[in-house]
PDB file of N, CA and C in Angstrom:
ATOM      1  N   UNK A   1     106.304 194.593 145.505  1.00  0.00           N
ATOM      2  CA  UNK A   1     104.931 194.969 145.690  1.00  0.00           C
ATOM      3  C   UNK A   1     103.661 193.998 145.281  1.00  0.00           C
ATOM      4  N   UNK A   2     102.644 194.322 146.053  1.00  0.00           N
ATOM      5  CA  UNK A   2     102.194 193.370 146.292  1.00  0.00           C
ATOM      6  C   UNK A   2     100.974 192.956 145.630  1.00  0.00           C
ATOM      7  N   UNK A   3     100.232 192.207 145.648  1.00  0.00           N
ATOM      8  CA  UNK A   3      99.476 191.674 144.656  1.00  0.00           C
ATOM      9  C   UNK A   3      98.505 192.636 144.370  1.00  0.00           C
ATOM     10  N   UNK A   4      97.746 193.236 145.135  1.00  0.00           N
ATOM     11  CA  UNK A   4      97.016 194.388 145.149  1.00  0.00           C
ATOM     12  C   UNK A   4      97.253 195.584 144.377  1.00  0.00           C
ATOM     13  N   UNK A   5      98.880 196.122 144.948  1.00  0.00           N
ATOM     14  CA  UNK A   5      99.361 197.212 144.298  1.00  0.00           C
ATOM     15  C   UNK A   5      99.244 196.703 142.991  1.00  0.00           C
ATOM     16  N   UNK A   6      99.675 195.706 142.475  1.00  0.00           N
ATOM     17  CA  UNK A   6     100.101 195.452 140.985  1.00  0.00           C
ATOM     18  C   UNK A   6      99.081 195.559 140.138  1.00  0.00           C
ATOM     19  N   UNK A   7      97.896 195.370 141.017  1.00  0.00           N
ATOM     20  CA  UNK A   7      96.770 195.222 140.264  1.00  0.00           C
ATOM     21  C   UNK A   7      96.363 196.267 139.145  1.00  0.00           C
ATOM     22  N   UNK A   8      97.139 197.725 139.914  1.00  0.00           N
ATOM     23  CA  UNK A   8      96.635 198.844 139.379  1.00  0.00           C
ATOM     24  C   UNK A   8      97.959 199.280 138.911  1.00  0.00           C
ATOM     25  N   UNK A   9      98.906 198.452 138.982  1.00  0.00           N
ATOM     26  CA  UNK A   9     100.010 199.411 138.569  1.00  0.00           C
ATOM     27  C   UNK A   9     100.126 199.936 136.889  1.00  0.00           C
ATOM     28  N   UNK A  10     100.908 200.859 136.554  1.00  0.00           N
ATOM     29  CA  UNK A  10     101.126 201.324 135.165  1.00  0.00           C
ATOM     30  C   UNK A  10     101.878 199.999 134.284  1.00  0.00           C
ATOM     31  N   UNK A  11     102.652 198.827 134.997  1.00  0.00           N
ATOM     32  CA  UNK A  11     103.443 198.008 134.384  1.00  0.00           C
ATOM     33  C   UNK A  11     102.346 197.127 133.516  1.00  0.00           C
ATOM     34  N   UNK A  12     101.386 196.795 135.046  1.00  0.00           N
ATOM     35  CA  UNK A  12     100.214 195.690 134.297  1.00  0.00           C
ATOM     36  C   UNK A  12      99.450 196.049 133.411  1.00  0.00           C
ATOM     37  N   UNK A  13      99.015 197.331 133.756  1.00  0.00           N
ATOM     38  CA  UNK A  13      98.347 198.091 132.182  1.00  0.00           C
ATOM     39  C   UNK A  13      99.019 197.912 131.260  1.00  0.00           C
ATOM     40  N   UNK A  14     100.308 198.235 130.972  1.00  0.00           N
ATOM     41  CA  UNK A  14     100.983 197.891 129.965  1.00  0.00           C
ATOM     42  C   UNK A  14     101.238 196.605 129.510  1.00  0.00           C
ATOM     43  N   UNK A  15     101.110 195.693 130.477  1.00  0.00           N
ATOM     44  CA  UNK A  15     101.295 194.244 130.090  1.00  0.00           C
ATOM     45  C   UNK A  15      99.896 193.757 129.368  1.00  0.00           C
ATOM     46  N   UNK A  16      99.050 194.187 129.876  1.00  0.00           N
ATOM     47  CA  UNK A  16      97.682 193.954 129.331  1.00  0.00           C
ATOM     48  C   UNK A  16      97.343 194.644 127.894  1.00  0.00           C
ATOM     49  N   UNK A  17      98.024 195.552 127.720  1.00  0.00           N
ATOM     50  CA  UNK A  17      97.466 196.352 126.348  1.00  0.00           C
ATOM     51  C   UNK A  17      98.435 195.492 125.534  1.00  0.00           C
ATOM     52  N   UNK A  18      99.262 195.185 125.898  1.00  0.00           N
ATOM     53  CA  UNK A  18     100.712 194.295 124.639  1.00  0.00           C
ATOM     54  C   UNK A  18      99.636 193.134 124.285  1.00  0.00           C
ATOM     55  N   UNK A  19      99.332 192.057 125.491  1.00  0.00           N
ATOM     56  CA  UNK A  19      98.888 191.135 125.647  1.00  0.00           C
ATOM     57  C   UNK A  19      97.236 191.201 124.242  1.00  0.00           C
ATOM     58  N   UNK A  20      96.819 192.717 124.463  1.00  0.00           N
ATOM     59  CA  UNK A  20      95.605 192.329 123.860  1.00  0.00           C
ATOM     60  C   UNK A  20      95.608 192.918 122.543  1.00  0.00           C
ATOM     61  N   UNK A  21      97.146 193.403 122.486  1.00  0.00           N
ATOM     62  CA  UNK A  21      97.624 193.830 120.606  1.00  0.00           C
ATOM     63  C   UNK A  21      96.788 193.434 119.780  1.00  0.00           C
ATOM     64  N   UNK A  22      96.455 192.171 119.752  1.00  0.00           N
ATOM     65  CA  UNK A  22      96.156 191.690 118.907  1.00  0.00           C
ATOM     66  C   UNK A  22      94.563 191.452 118.893  1.00  0.00           C
ATOM     67  N   UNK A  23      93.714 191.924 117.862  1.00  0.00           N
ATOM     68  CA  UNK A  23      92.330 191.531 118.056  1.00  0.00           C
ATOM     69  C   UNK A  23      91.739 189.728 117.818  1.00  0.00           C
ATOM     70  N   UNK A  24      90.349 189.748 118.493  1.00  0.00           N
ATOM     71  CA  UNK A  24      90.348 188.130 118.276  1.00  0.00           C
ATOM     72  C   UNK A  24      90.066 187.385 116.233  1.00  0.00           C
ATOM     73  N   UNK A  25      90.061 188.650 116.012  1.00  0.00           N
ATOM     74  CA  UNK A  25      89.794 188.149 114.392  1.00  0.00           C
ATOM     75  C   UNK A  25      91.336 188.081 113.922  1.00  0.00           C
ATOM     76  N   UNK A  26      92.433 188.616 114.465  1.00  0.00           N
ATOM     77  CA  UNK A  26      93.742 188.572 113.952  1.00  0.00           C
ATOM     78  C   UNK A  26      94.343 187.233 114.504  1.00  0.00           C
ATOM     79  N   UNK A  27      93.798 186.909 115.761  1.00  0.00           N
ATOM     80  CA  UNK A  27      94.271 185.969 116.346  1.00  0.00           C
ATOM     81  C   UNK A  27      93.969 184.426 115.586  1.00  0.00           C
ATOM     82  N   UNK A  28      92.576 184.799 115.144  1.00  0.00           N
ATOM     83  CA  UNK A  28      91.726 183.651 114.437  1.00  0.00           C
ATOM     84  C   UNK A  28      92.316 183.158 112.931  1.00  0.00           C
ATOM     85  N   UNK A  29      93.273 184.774 112.006  1.00  0.00           N
ATOM     86  CA  UNK A  29      93.436 184.654 111.071  1.00  0.00           C
ATOM     87  C   UNK A  29      95.076 184.071 111.185  1.00  0.00           C
ATOM     88  N   UNK A  30      95.697 184.137 112.042  1.00  0.00           N
ATOM     89  CA  UNK A  30      97.141 183.630 112.412  1.00  0.00           C
ATOM     90  C   UNK A  30      96.964 181.864 112.272  1.00  0.00           C
ATOM     91  N   UNK A  31      95.635 181.641 113.201  1.00  0.00           N
ATOM     92  CA  UNK A  31      95.369 179.650 112.972  1.00  0.00           C
ATOM     93  C   UNK A  31      95.209 179.764 111.797  1.00  0.00           C
ATOM     94  N   UNK A  32      94.332 180.281 111.234  1.00  0.00           N
ATOM     95  CA  UNK A  32      93.789 179.621 109.718  1.00  0.00           C
ATOM     96  C   UNK A  32      94.668 179.890 108.556  1.00  0.00           C
ATOM     97  N   UNK A  33      96.037 180.676 108.909  1.00  0.00           N
ATOM     98  CA  UNK A  33      97.151 180.619 108.180  1.00  0.00           C
ATOM     99  C   UNK A  33      98.206 179.642 107.852  1.00  0.00           C
ATOM    100  N   UNK A  34      97.920 179.072 109.890  1.00  0.00           N
ATOM    101  CA  UNK A  34      98.905 178.158 110.171  1.00  0.00           C
ATOM    102  C   UNK A  34      98.112 176.873 109.255  1.00  0.00           C
ATOM    103  N   UNK A  35      97.169 176.689 109.454  1.00  0.00           N
ATOM    104  CA  UNK A  35      96.209 175.799 108.831  1.00  0.00           C
ATOM    105  C   UNK A  35      96.494 175.411 107.690  1.00  0.00           C
ATOM    106  N   UNK A  36      96.767 176.697 106.737  1.00  0.00           N
ATOM    107  CA  UNK A  36      96.523 176.860 105.256  1.00  0.00           C
ATOM    108  C   UNK A  36      97.978 176.261 104.668  1.00  0.00           C
ATOM    109  N   UNK A  37      98.967 176.680 105.642  1.00  0.00           N
ATOM    110  CA  UNK A  37     100.027 176.552 105.488  1.00  0.00           C
ATOM    111  C   UNK A  37     100.594 174.721 105.530  1.00  0.00           C
ATOM    112  N   UNK A  38     100.325 174.297 106.775  1.00  0.00           N
ATOM    113  CA  UNK A  38     100.121 172.978 107.326  1.00  0.00           C
ATOM    114  C   UNK A  38      99.279 172.222 106.121  1.00  0.00           C
ATOM    115  N   UNK A  39      98.281 172.462 105.370  1.00  0.00           N
ATOM    116  CA  UNK A  39      97.766 171.777 104.103  1.00  0.00           C
ATOM    117  C   UNK A  39      98.100 171.826 102.942  1.00  0.00           C
ATOM    118  N   UNK A  40      99.367 172.940 102.732  1.00  0.00           N
ATOM    119  CA  UNK A  40      99.892 173.338 101.337  1.00  0.00           C
ATOM    120  C   UNK A  40     101.651 172.246 101.683  1.00  0.00           C
ATOM    121  N   UNK A  41     101.653 171.875 102.783  1.00  0.00           N
ATOM    122  CA  UNK A  41     103.201 171.182 103.080  1.00  0.00           C
ATOM    123  C   UNK A  41     104.007 171.315 103.959  1.00  0.00           C
ATOM    124  N   UNK A  42     103.764 172.612 104.182  1.00  0.00           N
ATOM    125  CA  UNK A  42     104.738 173.272 105.347  1.00  0.00           C
ATOM    126  C   UNK A  42     104.769 172.858 106.823  1.00  0.00           C
ATOM    127  N   UNK A  43     105.927 173.154 106.923  1.00  0.00           N
ATOM    128  CA  UNK A  43     105.611 173.077 108.837  1.00  0.00           C
ATOM    129  C   UNK A  43     105.158 174.418 109.152  1.00  0.00           C
ATOM    130  N   UNK A  44     104.695 174.985 110.011  1.00  0.00           N
ATOM    131  CA  UNK A  44     104.687 176.203 110.508  1.00  0.00           C
ATOM    132  C   UNK A  44     104.309 176.300 112.285  1.00  0.00           C
ATOM    133  N   UNK A  45     104.857 177.645 112.461  1.00  0.00           N
ATOM    134  CA  UNK A  45     105.111 177.717 114.383  1.00  0.00           C
ATOM    135  C   UNK A  45     104.695 179.193 114.099  1.00  0.00           C
ATOM    136  N   UNK A  46     104.232 179.498 114.748  1.00  0.00           N
ATOM    137  CA  UNK A  46     103.380 180.685 115.379  1.00  0.00           C
ATOM    138  C   UNK A  46     104.251 181.252 116.344  1.00  0.00           C
ATOM    139  N   UNK A  47     104.654 182.382 116.292  1.00  0.00           N
ATOM    140  CA  UNK A  47     105.692 183.384 116.864  1.00  0.00           C
ATOM    141  C   UNK A  47     104.389 183.917 118.076  1.00  0.00           C
ATOM    142  N   UNK A  48     105.286 184.072 119.398  1.00  0.00           N
ATOM    143  CA  UNK A  48     104.954 184.799 120.324  1.00  0.00           C
ATOM    144  C   UNK A  48     105.743 186.029 120.680  1.00  0.00           C
ATOM    145  N   UNK A  49     105.720 187.008 121.436  1.00  0.00           N
ATOM    146  CA  UNK A  49     106.571 188.084 122.282  1.00  0.00           C
ATOM    147  C   UNK A  49     105.916 189.060 121.772  1.00  0.00           C
ATOM    148  N   UNK A  50     106.222 190.519 122.384  1.00  0.00           N
ATOM    149  CA  UNK A  50     106.185 191.760 122.327  1.00  0.00           C
ATOM    150  C   UNK A  50     106.683 192.432 121.326  1.00  0.00           C
ATOM    151  N   UNK A  51     107.994 191.863 120.777  1.00  0.00           N
ATOM    152  CA  UNK A  51     108.752 192.643 120.121  1.00  0.00           C
ATOM    153  C   UNK A  51     109.046 191.835 119.282  1.00  0.00           C
ATOM    154  N   UNK A  52     108.175 190.367 118.672  1.00  0.00           N
ATOM    155  CA  UNK A  52     108.306 189.938 117.271  1.00  0.00           C
ATOM    156  C   UNK A  52     107.843 190.799 115.978  1.00  0.00           C
ATOM    157  N   UNK A  53     108.380 190.363 115.015  1.00  0.00           N
ATOM    158  CA  UNK A  53     108.372 191.310 114.049  1.00  0.00           C
ATOM    159  C   UNK A  53     107.266 190.073 112.835  1.00  0.00           C
ATOM    160  N   UNK A  54     107.686 188.917 113.102  1.00  0.00           N
ATOM    161  CA  UNK A  54     106.546 188.035 111.975  1.00  0.00           C
ATOM    162  C   UNK A  54     105.905 187.317 112.877  1.00  0.00           C
ATOM    163  N   UNK A  55     104.734 186.630 112.304  1.00  0.00           N
ATOM    164  CA  UNK A  55     103.599 186.252 113.076  1.00  0.00           C
ATOM    165  C   UNK A  55     103.803 184.632 112.976  1.00  0.00           C
ATOM    166  N   UNK A  56     104.565 184.113 112.005  1.00  0.00           N
ATOM    167  CA  UNK A  56     104.618 182.609 111.282  1.00  0.00           C
ATOM    168  C   UNK A  56     106.232 182.905 111.306  1.00  0.00           C
ATOM    169  N   UNK A  57     106.779 181.760 111.092  1.00  0.00           N
ATOM    170  CA  UNK A  57     108.148 180.993 110.670  1.00  0.00           C
ATOM    171  C   UNK A  57     107.226 179.620 109.742  1.00  0.00           C
ATOM    172  N   UNK A  58     107.536 179.714 108.532  1.00  0.00           N
ATOM    173  CA  UNK A  58     107.042 178.299 107.565  1.00  0.00           C
ATOM    174  C   UNK A  58     107.883 177.734 106.851  1.00  0.00           C
ATOM    175  N   UNK A  59     108.439 176.528 107.008  1.00  0.00           N
ATOM    176  CA  UNK A  59     109.444 176.232 106.279  1.00  0.00           C
ATOM    177  C   UNK A  59     108.885 174.587 105.444  1.00  0.00           C
ATOM    178  N   UNK A  60     109.382 174.309 104.184  1.00  0.00           N
ATOM    179  CA  UNK A  60     109.302 173.423 103.354  1.00  0.00           C
ATOM    180  C   UNK A  60     110.533 172.775 102.664  1.00  0.00           C
ATOM    181  N   UNK A  61     111.131 171.944 103.117  1.00  0.00           N
ATOM    182  CA  UNK A  61     112.508 171.336 102.258  1.00  0.00           C
ATOM    183  C   UNK A  61     113.419 172.489 102.586  1.00  0.00           C
ATOM    184  N   UNK A  62     113.808 173.543 101.402  1.00  0.00           N
ATOM    185  CA  UNK A  62     114.280 174.504 101.624  1.00  0.00           C
ATOM    186  C   UNK A  62     114.283 175.564 101.477  1.00  0.00           C
ATOM    187  N   UNK A  63     113.044 176.020 101.743  1.00  0.00           N
ATOM    188  CA  UNK A  63     112.256 177.183 101.709  1.00  0.00           C
ATOM    189  C   UNK A  63     111.960 177.813 102.726  1.00  0.00           C
ATOM    190  N   UNK A  64     112.116 178.947 103.301  1.00  0.00           N
ATOM    191  CA  UNK A  64     112.020 179.726 104.748  1.00  0.00           C
ATOM    192  C   UNK A  64     110.394 180.410 104.472  1.00  0.00           C
ATOM    193  N   UNK A  65     109.828 181.012 105.066  1.00  0.00           N
ATOM    194  CA  UNK A  65     108.763 181.650 104.972  1.00  0.00           C
ATOM    195  C   UNK A  65     108.805 182.552 105.897  1.00  0.00           C
ATOM    196  N   UNK A  66     108.816 183.854 106.180  1.00  0.00           N
ATOM    197  CA  UNK A  66     108.584 184.449 107.527  1.00  0.00           C
ATOM    198  C   UNK A  66     106.953 185.249 107.306  1.00  0.00           C
ATOM    199  N   UNK A  67     105.905 185.315 108.104  1.00  0.00           N
ATOM    200  CA  UNK A  67     104.762 186.032 107.271  1.00  0.00           C
ATOM    201  C   UNK A  67     104.166 186.646 108.618  1.00  0.00           C
ATOM    202  N   UNK A  68     103.573 187.666 108.285  1.00  0.00           N
ATOM    203  CA  UNK A  68     103.019 188.535 109.246  1.00  0.00           C
ATOM    204  C   UNK A  68     101.290 188.787 108.702  1.00  0.00           C
ATOM    205  N   UNK A  69     100.569 188.232 109.593  1.00  0.00           N
ATOM    206  CA  UNK A  69      99.118 188.311 108.909  1.00  0.00           C
ATOM    207  C   UNK A  69      98.520 189.030 109.754  1.00  0.00           C
ATOM    208  N   UNK A  70      97.302 189.987 108.685  1.00  0.00           N
ATOM    209  CA  UNK A  70      96.604 190.799 109.149  1.00  0.00           C
ATOM    210  C   UNK A  70      95.273 190.629 109.138  1.00  0.00           C
ATOM    211  N   UNK A  71      93.748 190.919 109.802  1.00  0.00           N
ATOM    212  CA  UNK A  71      92.803 190.835 109.258  1.00  0.00           C
ATOM    213  C   UNK A  71      92.002 192.226 109.398  1.00  0.00           C
ATOM    214  N   UNK A  72      91.339 192.097 108.135  1.00  0.00           N
ATOM    215  CA  UNK A  72      90.664 193.649 108.217  1.00  0.00           C
ATOM    216  C   UNK A  72      89.505 193.615 107.252  1.00  0.00           C
ATOM    217  N   UNK A  73      88.296 194.443 107.627  1.00  0.00           N
ATOM    218  CA  UNK A  73      87.313 194.354 106.250  1.00  0.00           C
ATOM    219  C   UNK A  73      87.165 194.529 105.277  1.00  0.00           C
ATOM    220  N   UNK A  74      88.115 196.360 105.197  1.00  0.00           N
ATOM    221  CA  UNK A  74      88.669 196.713 103.919  1.00  0.00           C
ATOM    222  C   UNK A  74      89.569 197.283 103.955  1.00  0.00           C
ATOM    223  N   UNK A  75      90.746 197.717 102.640  1.00  0.00           N
ATOM    224  CA  UNK A  75      91.878 198.793 102.826  1.00  0.00           C
ATOM    225  C   UNK A  75      92.759 198.054 102.108  1.00  0.00           C
ATOM    226  N   UNK A  76      93.096 196.748 102.411  1.00  0.00           N
ATOM    227  CA  UNK A  76      93.916 195.400 102.078  1.00  0.00           C
ATOM    228  C   UNK A  76      95.626 196.307 102.455  1.00  0.00           C
ATOM    229  N   UNK A  77      96.499 195.802 101.905  1.00  0.00           N
ATOM    230  CA  UNK A  77      97.654 196.221 102.036  1.00  0.00           C
ATOM    231  C   UNK A  77      98.060 197.850 102.790  1.00  0.00           C
ATOM    232  N   UNK A  78      97.122 198.548 102.052  1.00  0.00           N
ATOM    233  CA  UNK A  78      97.465 199.821 101.737  1.00  0.00           C
ATOM    234  C   UNK A  78      97.219 200.475 103.625  1.00  0.00           C
ATOM    235  N   UNK A  79      96.639 199.766 104.255  1.00  0.00           N
ATOM    236  CA  UNK A  79      96.012 200.184 105.609  1.00  0.00           C
ATOM    237  C   UNK A  79      97.982 199.693 106.755  1.00  0.00           C
ATOM    238  N   UNK A  80      98.587 199.040 105.930  1.00  0.00           N
ATOM    239  CA  UNK A  80      99.919 198.604 106.604  1.00  0.00           C
ATOM    240  C   UNK A  80     101.072 199.442 106.127  1.00  0.00           C
ATOM    241  N   UNK A  81     100.798 200.520 105.429  1.00  0.00           N
ATOM    242  CA  UNK A  81     102.182 201.170 104.842  1.00  0.00           C
ATOM    243  C   UNK A  81     103.276 201.023 105.856  1.00  0.00           C
ATOM    244  N   UNK A  82     103.393 201.388 107.006  1.00  0.00           N
ATOM    245  CA  UNK A  82     104.358 201.604 107.760  1.00  0.00           C
ATOM    246  C   UNK A  82     104.668 200.212 108.425  1.00  0.00           C
ATOM    247  N   UNK A  83     104.106 199.187 108.087  1.00  0.00           N
ATOM    248  CA  UNK A  83     104.428 197.580 108.648  1.00  0.00           C
ATOM    249  C   UNK A  83     105.580 197.311 107.451  1.00  0.00           C
ATOM    250  N   UNK A  84     104.672 197.715 106.301  1.00  0.00           N
ATOM    251  CA  UNK A  84     105.555 197.106 104.957  1.00  0.00           C
ATOM    252  C   UNK A  84     107.087 198.085 104.857  1.00  0.00           C
ATOM    253  N   UNK A  85     106.775 199.310 105.206  1.00  0.00           N
ATOM    254  CA  UNK A  85     108.401 199.994 105.312  1.00  0.00           C
ATOM    255  C   UNK A  85     109.539 198.795 106.216  1.00  0.00           C
ATOM    256  N   UNK A  86     108.692 198.981 107.628  1.00  0.00           N
ATOM    257  CA  UNK A  86     109.222 197.975 108.396  1.00  0.00           C
ATOM    258  C   UNK A  86     110.106 196.954 107.944  1.00  0.00           C
ATOM    259  N   UNK A  87     109.411 195.624 107.473  1.00  0.00           N
ATOM    260  CA  UNK A  87     109.524 194.672 106.853  1.00  0.00           C
ATOM    261  C   UNK A  87     110.566 194.607 105.804  1.00  0.00           C
ATOM    262  N   UNK A  88     110.291 195.819 104.581  1.00  0.00           N
ATOM    263  CA  UNK A  88     111.288 196.316 103.497  1.00  0.00           C
ATOM    264  C   UNK A  88     112.238 196.659 103.894  1.00  0.00           C
ATOM    265  N   UNK A  89     112.204 197.128 104.731  1.00  0.00           N
ATOM    266  CA  UNK A  89     114.074 197.453 105.465  1.00  0.00           C
ATOM    267  C   UNK A  89     114.240 196.048 105.950  1.00  0.00           C
ATOM    268  N   UNK A  90     113.889 194.935 106.823  1.00  0.00           N
ATOM    269  CA  UNK A  90     114.349 193.743 107.225  1.00  0.00           C
ATOM    270  C   UNK A  90     115.023 193.210 105.844  1.00  0.00           C
ATOM    271  N   UNK A  91     113.979 193.510 105.106  1.00  0.00           N
ATOM    272  CA  UNK A  91     114.743 192.646 103.648  1.00  0.00           C
ATOM    273  C   UNK A  91     115.986 193.013 102.865  1.00  0.00           C
ATOM    274  N   UNK A  92     115.757 194.446 103.071  1.00  0.00           N
ATOM    275  CA  UNK A  92     117.334 195.304 102.743  1.00  0.00           C
ATOM    276  C   UNK A  92     118.127 194.793 103.581  1.00  0.00           C
ATOM    277  N   UNK A  93     118.279 194.595 104.550  1.00  0.00           N
ATOM    278  CA  UNK A  93     119.144 194.462 105.645  1.00  0.00           C
ATOM    279  C   UNK A  93     119.882 192.971 105.858  1.00  0.00           C
ATOM    280  N   UNK A  94     119.013 192.571 104.942  1.00  0.00           N
ATOM    281  CA  UNK A  94     119.024 190.722 104.480  1.00  0.00           C
ATOM    282  C   UNK A  94     119.285 190.094 106.076  1.00  0.00           C
ATOM    283  N   UNK A  95     118.105 190.554 107.181  1.00  0.00           N
ATOM    284  CA  UNK A  95     117.652 189.794 108.379  1.00  0.00           C
ATOM    285  C   UNK A  95     117.145 189.128 108.657  1.00  0.00           C
ATOM    286  N   UNK A  96     116.735 188.402 107.537  1.00  0.00           N
ATOM    287  CA  UNK A  96     115.648 187.043 107.980  1.00  0.00           C
ATOM    288  C   UNK A  96     116.212 186.255 106.559  1.00  0.00           C
ATOM    289  N   UNK A  97     116.767 184.757 107.156  1.00  0.00           N
ATOM    290  CA  UNK A  97     117.137 184.206 105.778  1.00  0.00           C
ATOM    291  C   UNK A  97     116.577 183.475 104.614  1.00  0.00           C
ATOM    292  N   UNK A  98     114.968 184.142 104.527  1.00  0.00           N
ATOM    293  CA  UNK A  98     113.949 183.828 103.790  1.00  0.00           C
ATOM    294  C   UNK A  98     113.278 184.397 103.126  1.00  0.00           C
ATOM    295  N   UNK A  99     111.967 184.280 102.639  1.00  0.00           N
ATOM    296  CA  UNK A  99     111.192 185.042 101.931  1.00  0.00           C
ATOM    297  C   UNK A  99     110.318 185.991 102.929  1.00  0.00           C
ATOM    298  N   UNK A 100     109.978 186.816 103.027  1.00  0.00           N
ATOM    299  CA  UNK A 100     109.188 187.739 103.981  1.00  0.00           C
ATOM    300  C   UNK A 100     107.788 187.942 103.104  1.00  0.00           C
ATOM    301  N   UNK A 101     106.389 187.409 103.746  1.00  0.00           N
ATOM    302  CA  UNK A 101     105.052 187.866 103.369  1.00  0.00           C
ATOM    303  C   UNK A 101     104.166 188.668 104.302  1.00  0.00           C
ATOM    304  N   UNK A 102     103.125 189.114 103.737  1.00  0.00           N
ATOM    305  CA  UNK A 102     102.431 189.780 104.451  1.00  0.00           C
ATOM    306  C   UNK A 102     100.706 188.966 103.910  1.00  0.00           C
ATOM    307  N   UNK A 103     100.163 188.298 104.745  1.00  0.00           N
ATOM    308  CA  UNK A 103      98.940 187.858 104.555  1.00  0.00           C
ATOM    309  C   UNK A 103      97.892 189.002 104.885  1.00  0.00           C
ATOM    310  N   UNK A 104      97.160 189.336 103.885  1.00  0.00           N
ATOM    311  CA  UNK A 104      95.906 190.015 104.967  1.00  0.00           C
ATOM    312  C   UNK A 104      94.267 189.226 104.361  1.00  0.00           C
ATOM    313  N   UNK A 105      93.962 189.099 105.640  1.00  0.00           N
ATOM    314  CA  UNK A 105      92.751 188.363 105.689  1.00  0.00           C
ATOM    315  C   UNK A 105      91.335 189.307 105.671  1.00  0.00           C
ATOM    316  N   UNK A 106      90.266 189.390 103.998  1.00  0.00           N
ATOM    317  CA  UNK A 106      88.970 190.521 104.175  1.00  0.00           C
ATOM    318  C   UNK A 106      88.550 189.923 103.826  1.00  0.00           C
ATOM    319  N   UNK A 107      87.417 189.905 104.468  1.00  0.00           N
ATOM    320  CA  UNK A 107      85.859 189.640 103.942  1.00  0.00           C
ATOM    321  C   UNK A 107      85.974 187.964 103.137  1.00  0.00           C
ATOM    322  N   UNK A 108      86.691 186.973 104.283  1.00  0.00           N
ATOM    323  CA  UNK A 108      86.944 185.893 103.549  1.00  0.00           C
ATOM    324  C   UNK A 108      87.612 185.236 102.383  1.00  0.00           C
ATOM    325  N   UNK A 109      88.503 186.579 102.280  1.00  0.00           N
ATOM    326  CA  UNK A 109      89.129 186.397 100.943  1.00  0.00           C
ATOM    327  C   UNK A 109      90.757 186.408 101.640  1.00  0.00           C
ATOM    328  N   UNK A 110      91.996 185.617 101.160  1.00  0.00           N
ATOM    329  CA  UNK A 110      93.163 185.812 101.234  1.00  0.00           C
ATOM    330  C   UNK A 110      93.840 186.825 100.714  1.00  0.00           C
ATOM    331  N   UNK A 111      94.997 187.394 100.686  1.00  0.00           N
ATOM    332  CA  UNK A 111      95.464 188.283 100.014  1.00  0.00           C
ATOM    333  C   UNK A 111      97.061 188.193 100.421  1.00  0.00           C
ATOM    334  N   UNK A 112      97.946 187.622  99.193  1.00  0.00           N
ATOM    335  CA  UNK A 112      99.462 187.370  99.877  1.00  0.00           C
ATOM    336  C   UNK A 112     100.396 188.213  99.070  1.00  0.00           C
ATOM    337  N   UNK A 113     100.995 188.799  99.801  1.00  0.00           N
ATOM    338  CA  UNK A 113     101.831 190.096  99.024  1.00  0.00           C
ATOM    339  C   UNK A 113     103.644 189.389  99.832  1.00  0.00           C
ATOM    340  N   UNK A 114     104.691 189.721  98.476  1.00  0.00           N
ATOM    341  CA  UNK A 114     105.898 189.432  99.101  1.00  0.00           C
ATOM    342  C   UNK A 114     106.477 190.570  99.256  1.00  0.00           C
ATOM    343  N   UNK A 115     107.231 190.993 100.203  1.00  0.00           N
ATOM    344  CA  UNK A 115     108.140 192.317 100.792  1.00  0.00           C
ATOM    345  C   UNK A 115     109.110 191.940 100.146  1.00  0.00           C
ATOM    346  N   UNK A 116     109.419 192.827  99.514  1.00  0.00           N
ATOM    347  CA  UNK A 116     111.068 193.114  98.731  1.00  0.00           C
ATOM    348  C   UNK A 116     111.298 194.459  99.056  1.00  0.00           C
ATOM    349  N   UNK A 117     112.239 194.697  98.975  1.00  0.00           N
ATOM    350  CA  UNK A 117     113.724 195.854  99.305  1.00  0.00           C
ATOM    351  C   UNK A 117     112.988 197.490  99.220  1.00  0.00           C
ATOM    352  N   UNK A 118     111.851 197.569  98.120  1.00  0.00           N
ATOM    353  CA  UNK A 118     111.388 198.823  97.935  1.00  0.00           C
ATOM    354  C   UNK A 118     109.830 198.861  98.320  1.00  0.00           C
ATOM    355  N   UNK A 119     109.288 197.256  98.907  1.00  0.00           N
ATOM    356  CA  UNK A 119     107.621 197.721  99.282  1.00  0.00           C
ATOM    357  C   UNK A 119     107.079 196.081  99.046  1.00  0.00           C
ATOM    358  N   UNK A 120     106.028 195.919  98.669  1.00  0.00           N
ATOM    359  CA  UNK A 120     105.491 194.892  98.751  1.00  0.00           C
ATOM    360  C   UNK A 120     104.389 194.623  97.310  1.00  0.00           C
ATOM    361  N   UNK A 121     104.369 193.415  96.763  1.00  0.00           N
ATOM    362  CA  UNK A 121     104.096 192.907  95.574  1.00  0.00           C
ATOM    363  C   UNK A 121     102.826 191.909  96.134  1.00  0.00           C
ATOM    364  N   UNK A 122     102.234 191.638  95.075  1.00  0.00           N
ATOM    365  CA  UNK A 122     100.848 191.084  95.294  1.00  0.00           C
ATOM    366  C   UNK A 122     101.513 189.514  94.522  1.00  0.00           C
ATOM    367  N   UNK A 123     100.824 188.674  95.526  1.00  0.00           N
ATOM    368  CA  UNK A 123     101.518 187.264  94.619  1.00  0.00           C
ATOM    369  C   UNK A 123     100.728 186.313  95.192  1.00  0.00           C
ATOM    370  N   UNK A 124      98.952 186.588  95.264  1.00  0.00           N
ATOM    371  CA  UNK A 124      98.113 185.520  95.371  1.00  0.00           C
ATOM    372  C   UNK A 124      97.828 184.807  93.912  1.00  0.00           C
ATOM    373  N   UNK A 125      97.986 183.743  94.546  1.00  0.00           N
ATOM    374  CA  UNK A 125      97.805 182.841  92.987  1.00  0.00           C
ATOM    375  C   UNK A 125      98.727 182.401  92.672  1.00  0.00           C
ATOM    376  N   UNK A 126      99.927 182.874  93.105  1.00  0.00           N
ATOM    377  CA  UNK A 126     101.308 181.793  92.632  1.00  0.00           C
ATOM    378  C   UNK A 126     101.504 181.116  93.494  1.00  0.00           C
ATOM    379  N   UNK A 127     100.790 180.638  94.531  1.00  0.00           N
ATOM    380  CA  UNK A 127     100.899 179.423  95.556  1.00  0.00           C
ATOM    381  C   UNK A 127     101.622 180.369  96.478  1.00  0.00           C
ATOM    382  N   UNK A 128     102.240 179.275  97.792  1.00  0.00           N
ATOM    383  CA  UNK A 128     102.587 180.207  99.231  1.00  0.00           C
ATOM    384  C   UNK A 128     103.734 180.027  98.757  1.00  0.00           C
TER     385      UNK A 128
END
């Protein structure tokens, strides 16, 4: 395939869609979450890839946390019910060796939810 035909190919359009999958606010929120984790003494790595289930893996001594970060102006966790169902299924099947969390960032406020086999529960204030 020549460079000019690739420019307009369905494959390139699909790749661009996947790369732009995360909004600018979403990318900023992920970096801010990594900084928050690091300041709390965690080592944090941002994950990449179109098939990833988590945005960040963080660890501190024996504790491992897989985190999904979402940024929105309103709606909280209820906007992400499908995501929570997928993550709860992951927890139920023990597909991740640690705790799974969803962090939402709305209007300059972080909310942290722990994902359990039946859904998600707000844990903000309990620490990371």
